[in-house]
């Protein structure tokens, strides 16, 4: 019985992880970027960090 329960939980988790995400097309209107390491906003144009620039767009 214990083995069947773990198999059921495993397959249920596998099934739910493969389900499509319905909120994938949602995009936030505003993103607040808080830098705690002293990274100044003046250096943003000089950087080559695509992820940070995409967050701003």
PDB file of N, CA and C in Angstrom:
ATOM      1  N   UNK A   1       0.826  -1.195   0.000  1.00  0.00           N
ATOM      2  CA  UNK A   1       0.000   0.000   0.000  1.00  0.00           C
ATOM      3  C   UNK A   1       0.866   1.252   0.000  1.00  0.00           C
ATOM      4  N   UNK A   2       1.928   1.222   0.781  1.00  0.00           N
ATOM      5  CA  UNK A   2       2.797   2.382   0.867  1.00  0.00           C
ATOM      6  C   UNK A   2       3.460   2.659  -0.484  1.00  0.00           C
ATOM      7  N   UNK A   3       3.840   1.608  -1.191  1.00  0.00           N
ATOM      8  CA  UNK A   3       4.468   1.747  -2.495  1.00  0.00           C
ATOM      9  C   UNK A   3       3.481   2.317  -3.519  1.00  0.00           C
ATOM     10  N   UNK A   4       2.243   1.883  -3.478  1.00  0.00           N
ATOM     11  CA  UNK A   4       1.222   2.389  -4.394  1.00  0.00           C
ATOM     12  C   UNK A   4       0.948   3.867  -4.151  1.00  0.00           C
ATOM     13  N   UNK A   5       0.964   4.274  -2.892  1.00  0.00           N
ATOM     14  CA  UNK A   5       0.719   5.674  -2.552  1.00  0.00           C
ATOM     15  C   UNK A   5       1.821   6.564  -3.128  1.00  0.00           C
ATOM     16  N   UNK A   6       3.070   6.147  -2.979  1.00  0.00           N
ATOM     17  CA  UNK A   6       4.176   6.942  -3.504  1.00  0.00           C
ATOM     18  C   UNK A   6       4.169   6.986  -5.032  1.00  0.00           C
ATOM     19  N   UNK A   7       3.778   5.885  -5.661  1.00  0.00           N
ATOM     20  CA  UNK A   7       3.655   5.881  -7.119  1.00  0.00           C
ATOM     21  C   UNK A   7       2.558   6.840  -7.569  1.00  0.00           C
ATOM     22  N   UNK A   8       1.446   6.835  -6.854  1.00  0.00           N
ATOM     23  CA  UNK A   8       0.350   7.736  -7.186  1.00  0.00           C
ATOM     24  C   UNK A   8       0.786   9.188  -7.052  1.00  0.00           C
ATOM     25  N   UNK A   9       1.453   9.520  -5.972  1.00  0.00           N
ATOM     26  CA  UNK A   9       1.930  10.890  -5.763  1.00  0.00           C
ATOM     27  C   UNK A   9       2.944  11.273  -6.841  1.00  0.00           C
ATOM     28  N   UNK A  10       3.839  10.361  -7.177  1.00  0.00           N
ATOM     29  CA  UNK A  10       4.852  10.632  -8.205  1.00  0.00           C
ATOM     30  C   UNK A  10       4.202  10.917  -9.555  1.00  0.00           C
ATOM     31  N   UNK A  11       3.288  10.048  -9.980  1.00  0.00           N
ATOM     32  CA  UNK A  11       2.660  10.232 -11.287  1.00  0.00           C
ATOM     33  C   UNK A  11       1.735  11.443 -11.315  1.00  0.00           C
ATOM     34  N   UNK A  12       1.102  11.737 -10.218  1.00  0.00           N
ATOM     35  CA  UNK A  12       0.270  12.938 -10.151  1.00  0.00           C
ATOM     36  C   UNK A  12       1.137  14.191 -10.260  1.00  0.00           C
ATOM     37  N   UNK A  13       2.260  14.209  -9.575  1.00  0.00           N
ATOM     38  CA  UNK A  13       3.190  15.338  -9.678  1.00  0.00           C
ATOM     39  C   UNK A  13       3.759  15.482 -11.074  1.00  0.00           C
ATOM     40  N   UNK A  14       4.065  14.354 -11.705  1.00  0.00           N
ATOM     41  CA  UNK A  14       4.571  14.374 -13.075  1.00  0.00           C
ATOM     42  C   UNK A  14       3.520  14.918 -14.037  1.00  0.00           C
ATOM     43  N   UNK A  15       2.294  14.504 -13.856  1.00  0.00           N
ATOM     44  CA  UNK A  15       1.207  14.973 -14.708  1.00  0.00           C
ATOM     45  C   UNK A  15       0.994  16.473 -14.546  1.00  0.00           C
ATOM     46  N   UNK A  16       1.009  16.956 -13.313  1.00  0.00           N
ATOM     47  CA  UNK A  16       0.784  18.379 -13.072  1.00  0.00           C
ATOM     48  C   UNK A  16       1.953  19.236 -13.547  1.00  0.00           C
ATOM     49  N   UNK A  17       3.153  18.700 -13.523  1.00  0.00           N
ATOM     50  CA  UNK A  17       4.303  19.477 -13.985  1.00  0.00           C
ATOM     51  C   UNK A  17       4.324  19.606 -15.503  1.00  0.00           C
ATOM     52  N   UNK A  18       3.638  18.716 -16.200  1.00  0.00           N
ATOM     53  CA  UNK A  18       3.587  18.771 -17.660  1.00  0.00           C
ATOM     54  C   UNK A  18       2.403  19.580 -18.172  1.00  0.00           C
ATOM     55  N   UNK A  19       1.555  20.030 -17.284  1.00  0.00           N
ATOM     56  CA  UNK A  19       0.378  20.796 -17.694  1.00  0.00           C
ATOM     57  C   UNK A  19       0.822  22.151 -18.240  1.00  0.00           C
ATOM     58  N   UNK A  20       0.128  22.674 -19.235  1.00  0.00           N
ATOM     59  CA  UNK A  20       0.512  23.981 -19.787  1.00  0.00           C
ATOM     60  C   UNK A  20       0.283  25.087 -18.764  1.00  0.00           C
ATOM     61  N   UNK A  21       1.148  26.058 -18.799  1.00  0.00           N
ATOM     62  CA  UNK A  21       0.966  27.177 -17.872  1.00  0.00           C
ATOM     63  C   UNK A  21       0.063  28.199 -18.550  1.00  0.00           C
ATOM     64  N   UNK A  22      -1.044  28.485 -17.932  1.00  0.00           N
ATOM     65  CA  UNK A  22      -2.039  29.354 -18.540  1.00  0.00           C
ATOM     66  C   UNK A  22      -1.680  30.825 -18.408  1.00  0.00           C
ATOM     67  N   UNK A  23      -0.818  31.189 -17.481  1.00  0.00           N
ATOM     68  CA  UNK A  23      -0.464  32.589 -17.292  1.00  0.00           C
ATOM     69  C   UNK A  23       0.834  32.978 -17.966  1.00  0.00           C
ATOM     70  N   UNK A  24       1.295  32.210 -18.928  1.00  0.00           N
ATOM     71  CA  UNK A  24       2.594  32.473 -19.537  1.00  0.00           C
ATOM     72  C   UNK A  24       2.602  33.741 -20.386  1.00  0.00           C
ATOM     73  N   UNK A  25       1.479  34.155 -20.913  1.00  0.00           N
ATOM     74  CA  UNK A  25       1.446  35.332 -21.771  1.00  0.00           C
ATOM     75  C   UNK A  25       1.243  36.622 -20.990  1.00  0.00           C
ATOM     76  N   UNK A  26       1.000  36.525 -19.705  1.00  0.00           N
ATOM     77  CA  UNK A  26       0.801  37.704 -18.886  1.00  0.00           C
ATOM     78  C   UNK A  26       2.122  38.430 -18.716  1.00  0.00           C
ATOM     79  N   UNK A  27       2.089  39.754 -18.790  1.00  0.00           N
ATOM     80  CA  UNK A  27       3.299  40.543 -18.646  1.00  0.00           C
ATOM     81  C   UNK A  27       3.013  41.680 -17.675  1.00  0.00           C
ATOM     82  N   UNK A  28       3.916  41.884 -16.747  1.00  0.00           N
ATOM     83  CA  UNK A  28       3.737  42.926 -15.739  1.00  0.00           C
ATOM     84  C   UNK A  28       3.876  44.303 -16.372  1.00  0.00           C
ATOM     85  N   UNK A  29       3.090  45.260 -15.887  1.00  0.00           N
ATOM     86  CA  UNK A  29       3.192  46.631 -16.380  1.00  0.00           C
ATOM     87  C   UNK A  29       4.404  47.335 -15.784  1.00  0.00           C
ATOM     88  N   UNK A  30       4.703  47.035 -14.537  1.00  0.00           N
ATOM     89  CA  UNK A  30       5.824  47.684 -13.852  1.00  0.00           C
ATOM     90  C   UNK A  30       6.653  46.633 -13.123  1.00  0.00           C
ATOM     91  N   UNK A  31       7.951  46.818 -13.152  1.00  0.00           N
ATOM     92  CA  UNK A  31       8.875  45.963 -12.418  1.00  0.00           C
ATOM     93  C   UNK A  31       9.761  46.864 -11.581  1.00  0.00           C
ATOM     94  N   UNK A  32       9.867  46.568 -10.303  1.00  0.00           N
ATOM     95  CA  UNK A  32      10.733  47.343  -9.416  1.00  0.00           C
ATOM     96  C   UNK A  32      12.030  46.569  -9.250  1.00  0.00           C
ATOM     97  N   UNK A  33      13.120  47.183  -9.626  1.00  0.00           N
ATOM     98  CA  UNK A  33      14.438  46.552  -9.566  1.00  0.00           C
ATOM     99  C   UNK A  33      15.207  47.199  -8.421  1.00  0.00           C
ATOM    100  N   UNK A  34      15.421  46.458  -7.358  1.00  0.00           N
ATOM    101  CA  UNK A  34      16.111  46.982  -6.181  1.00  0.00           C
ATOM    102  C   UNK A  34      17.506  46.366  -6.131  1.00  0.00           C
ATOM    103  N   UNK A  35      18.507  47.199  -6.216  1.00  0.00           N
ATOM    104  CA  UNK A  35      19.890  46.724  -6.135  1.00  0.00           C
ATOM    105  C   UNK A  35      20.460  47.016  -4.764  1.00  0.00           C
ATOM    106  N   UNK A  36      20.875  45.994  -4.066  1.00  0.00           N
ATOM    107  CA  UNK A  36      21.410  46.164  -2.719  1.00  0.00           C
ATOM    108  C   UNK A  36      22.934  46.132  -2.685  1.00  0.00           C
ATOM    109  N   UNK A  37      23.556  46.012  -3.828  1.00  0.00           N
ATOM    110  CA  UNK A  37      25.008  45.907  -3.850  1.00  0.00           C
ATOM    111  C   UNK A  37      25.691  47.205  -4.265  1.00  0.00           C
ATOM    112  N   UNK A  38      24.964  48.285  -4.370  1.00  0.00           N
ATOM    113  CA  UNK A  38      25.556  49.562  -4.741  1.00  0.00           C
ATOM    114  C   UNK A  38      25.649  49.772  -6.242  1.00  0.00           C
ATOM    115  N   UNK A  39      24.897  49.013  -7.006  1.00  0.00           N
ATOM    116  CA  UNK A  39      24.903  49.148  -8.458  1.00  0.00           C
ATOM    117  C   UNK A  39      24.118  50.403  -8.822  1.00  0.00           C
ATOM    118  N   UNK A  40      24.781  51.376  -9.384  1.00  0.00           N
ATOM    119  CA  UNK A  40      24.140  52.645  -9.705  1.00  0.00           C
ATOM    120  C   UNK A  40      23.382  52.602 -11.019  1.00  0.00           C
ATOM    121  N   UNK A  41      22.313  53.383 -11.098  1.00  0.00           N
ATOM    122  CA  UNK A  41      21.505  53.431 -12.316  1.00  0.00           C
ATOM    123  C   UNK A  41      22.269  54.074 -13.467  1.00  0.00           C
ATOM    124  N   UNK A  42      23.270  54.894 -13.157  1.00  0.00           N
ATOM    125  CA  UNK A  42      24.051  55.557 -14.204  1.00  0.00           C
ATOM    126  C   UNK A  42      24.824  54.559 -15.073  1.00  0.00           C
ATOM    127  N   UNK A  43      25.132  53.401 -14.535  1.00  0.00           N
ATOM    128  CA  UNK A  43      25.927  52.423 -15.285  1.00  0.00           C
ATOM    129  C   UNK A  43      25.074  51.461 -16.106  1.00  0.00           C
ATOM    130  N   UNK A  44      23.774  51.617 -16.076  1.00  0.00           N
ATOM    131  CA  UNK A  44      22.881  50.676 -16.763  1.00  0.00           C
ATOM    132  C   UNK A  44      23.077  50.700 -18.276  1.00  0.00           C
ATOM    133  N   UNK A  45      23.291  51.871 -18.853  1.00  0.00           N
ATOM    134  CA  UNK A  45      23.463  51.962 -20.307  1.00  0.00           C
ATOM    135  C   UNK A  45      24.778  51.341 -20.765  1.00  0.00           C
ATOM    136  N   UNK A  46      25.768  51.286 -19.874  1.00  0.00           N
ATOM    137  CA  UNK A  46      27.087  50.776 -20.236  1.00  0.00           C
ATOM    138  C   UNK A  46      27.189  49.257 -20.111  1.00  0.00           C
ATOM    139  N   UNK A  47      26.273  48.634 -19.411  1.00  0.00           N
ATOM    140  CA  UNK A  47      26.387  47.204 -19.155  1.00  0.00           C
ATOM    141  C   UNK A  47      25.913  46.380 -20.343  1.00  0.00           C
ATOM    142  N   UNK A  48      26.323  45.131 -20.364  1.00  0.00           N
ATOM    143  CA  UNK A  48      25.908  44.199 -21.405  1.00  0.00           C
ATOM    144  C   UNK A  48      25.153  43.038 -20.751  1.00  0.00           C
ATOM    145  N   UNK A  49      24.140  43.358 -19.957  1.00  0.00           N
ATOM    146  CA  UNK A  49      23.349  42.336 -19.270  1.00  0.00           C
ATOM    147  C   UNK A  49      21.952  42.328 -19.869  1.00  0.00           C
ATOM    148  N   UNK A  50      21.706  41.363 -20.729  1.00  0.00           N
ATOM    149  CA  UNK A  50      20.448  41.321 -21.468  1.00  0.00           C
ATOM    150  C   UNK A  50      19.245  41.112 -20.562  1.00  0.00           C
ATOM    151  N   UNK A  51      19.393  40.303 -19.520  1.00  0.00           N
ATOM    152  CA  UNK A  51      18.262  40.025 -18.639  1.00  0.00           C
ATOM    153  C   UNK A  51      17.821  41.282 -17.912  1.00  0.00           C
ATOM    154  N   UNK A  52      18.761  42.045 -17.394  1.00  0.00           N
ATOM    155  CA  UNK A  52      18.418  43.277 -16.688  1.00  0.00           C
ATOM    156  C   UNK A  52      17.783  44.286 -17.636  1.00  0.00           C
ATOM    157  N   UNK A  53      18.285  44.371 -18.852  1.00  0.00           N
ATOM    158  CA  UNK A  53      17.705  45.306 -19.823  1.00  0.00           C
ATOM    159  C   UNK A  53      16.305  44.870 -20.258  1.00  0.00           C
ATOM    160  N   UNK A  54      16.071  43.566 -20.339  1.00  0.00           N
ATOM    161  CA  UNK A  54      14.738  43.082 -20.693  1.00  0.00           C
ATOM    162  C   UNK A  54      13.747  43.340 -19.570  1.00  0.00           C
ATOM    163  N   UNK A  55      14.207  43.307 -18.323  1.00  0.00           N
ATOM    164  CA  UNK A  55      13.326  43.629 -17.206  1.00  0.00           C
ATOM    165  C   UNK A  55      12.878  45.080 -17.269  1.00  0.00           C
ATOM    166  N   UNK A  56      13.753  45.953 -17.718  1.00  0.00           N
ATOM    167  CA  UNK A  56      13.420  47.373 -17.805  1.00  0.00           C
ATOM    168  C   UNK A  56      12.422  47.621 -18.926  1.00  0.00           C
ATOM    169  N   UNK A  57      12.562  46.902 -20.043  1.00  0.00           N
ATOM    170  CA  UNK A  57      11.636  47.087 -21.169  1.00  0.00           C
ATOM    171  C   UNK A  57      10.324  46.550 -20.769  1.00  0.00           C
TER     172      UNK A  57
END
